Protein backbone atom coordinates (compact mmCIF):
# COMPACT_ATOMS: atom_id res chain seq x y z
CA UNK A 1 -11.62 183.36 12.61
CA UNK A 2 -8.18 182.72 14.06
CA UNK A 3 -7.14 181.84 10.35
CA UNK A 4 -8.31 185.12 9.13
CA UNK A 5 -6.26 187.20 11.64
CA UNK A 6 -3.40 184.94 10.69
CA UNK A 7 -3.69 185.65 7.06
CA UNK A 8 -3.85 189.47 7.70
CA UNK A 9 -0.72 189.15 9.81
CA UNK A 10 0.98 187.32 7.15
CA UNK A 11 -0.10 189.33 4.28
CA UNK A 12 -0.35 192.89 5.73
CA UNK A 13 1.95 192.73 8.93
CA UNK A 14 -0.65 194.21 11.21
CA UNK A 15 -3.20 192.75 13.89
CA UNK A 16 -6.92 192.91 13.52
CA UNK A 17 -9.90 191.88 15.37
CA UNK A 18 -12.11 189.58 13.17
CA UNK A 19 -15.78 190.32 13.29
CA UNK A 20 -18.79 188.77 11.71
CA UNK A 21 -18.51 187.15 8.30
CA UNK A 22 -19.68 189.29 5.44
CA UNK A 23 -19.92 186.65 2.79
CA UNK A 24 -18.42 183.74 1.09
CA UNK A 25 -17.98 183.57 -2.65
CA UNK A 26 -16.82 181.02 -4.99
CA UNK A 27 -15.59 181.91 -8.59
CA UNK A 28 -14.14 179.65 -11.45
CA UNK A 29 -10.96 181.13 -13.13
CA UNK A 30 -9.23 179.34 -15.99
CA UNK A 31 -6.67 177.98 -13.79
CA UNK A 32 -9.16 176.79 -11.10
CA UNK A 33 -11.95 177.52 -8.52
CA UNK A 34 -11.15 179.46 -5.64
CA UNK A 35 -13.49 180.35 -2.55
CA UNK A 36 -13.01 183.71 -0.57
CA UNK A 37 -14.49 184.36 2.77
CA UNK A 38 -14.88 188.13 3.66
CA UNK A 39 -15.05 189.27 7.35
CA UNK A 40 -15.56 192.61 8.86
CA UNK A 41 -12.28 193.56 10.68
CA UNK A 42 -11.06 196.19 12.82
CA UNK A 43 -7.39 197.34 12.99
CA UNK A 44 -6.07 196.61 16.45
CA UNK A 45 -2.39 197.28 15.99
CA UNK A 46 0.19 198.34 13.41
CA UNK A 47 -0.02 199.76 10.09
CA UNK A 48 -0.72 197.55 7.02
CA UNK A 49 2.59 196.87 5.28
CA UNK A 50 2.79 195.24 1.97
CA UNK A 51 4.46 191.77 2.15
CA UNK A 52 2.48 190.03 -0.63
CA UNK A 53 0.51 192.68 -2.55
CA UNK A 54 1.36 195.44 -4.89
CA UNK A 55 -0.58 198.19 -3.24
CA UNK A 56 -2.49 199.18 -0.14
CA UNK A 57 -4.85 202.02 0.55
CA UNK A 58 -7.60 203.30 2.75
CA UNK A 59 -10.85 204.06 0.95
CA UNK A 60 -14.21 205.23 1.82
CA UNK A 61 -16.88 202.57 0.67
CA UNK A 62 -18.35 204.93 -1.83
CA UNK A 63 -14.91 205.10 -3.54
CA UNK A 64 -14.59 201.28 -4.06
CA UNK A 65 -16.24 201.39 -7.41
CA UNK A 66 -13.20 203.41 -8.89
CA UNK A 67 -11.04 200.24 -8.63
CA UNK A 68 -11.00 197.19 -11.06
CA UNK A 69 -11.47 194.34 -8.80
CA UNK A 70 -10.80 190.74 -9.54
CA UNK A 71 -14.03 188.81 -10.45
CA UNK A 72 -13.98 186.74 -7.10
CA UNK A 73 -13.81 189.98 -5.04
CA UNK A 74 -16.73 191.88 -6.61
CA UNK A 75 -19.71 190.29 -4.60
CA UNK A 76 -17.87 191.33 -1.27
CA UNK A 77 -17.03 194.77 -2.45
CA UNK A 78 -20.67 195.23 -3.40
CA UNK A 79 -22.03 194.29 0.17
CA UNK A 80 -19.43 196.65 1.63
CA UNK A 81 -20.69 199.53 -0.42
CA UNK A 82 -24.35 198.61 0.11
CA UNK A 83 -23.60 198.34 4.00
CA UNK A 84 -22.03 201.82 4.09
């Protein structure tokens, strides 16, 4: 789980406590196959700041369906919505 906290620090410049794994999904794109592991996390310090992404926003789980997600993200997003 240290790897997940490191990724968040690199990509969003904040500190999180990484909790339980939500899911791991694999998706085959035209350019190759990717595997994503999603964890429940809690913001510990800082405010997420974009370093590698085009947008960041806080949303209630019920609002997540309003975004067009990458295919690899959809299974995890569904689980977050169902868990709310």
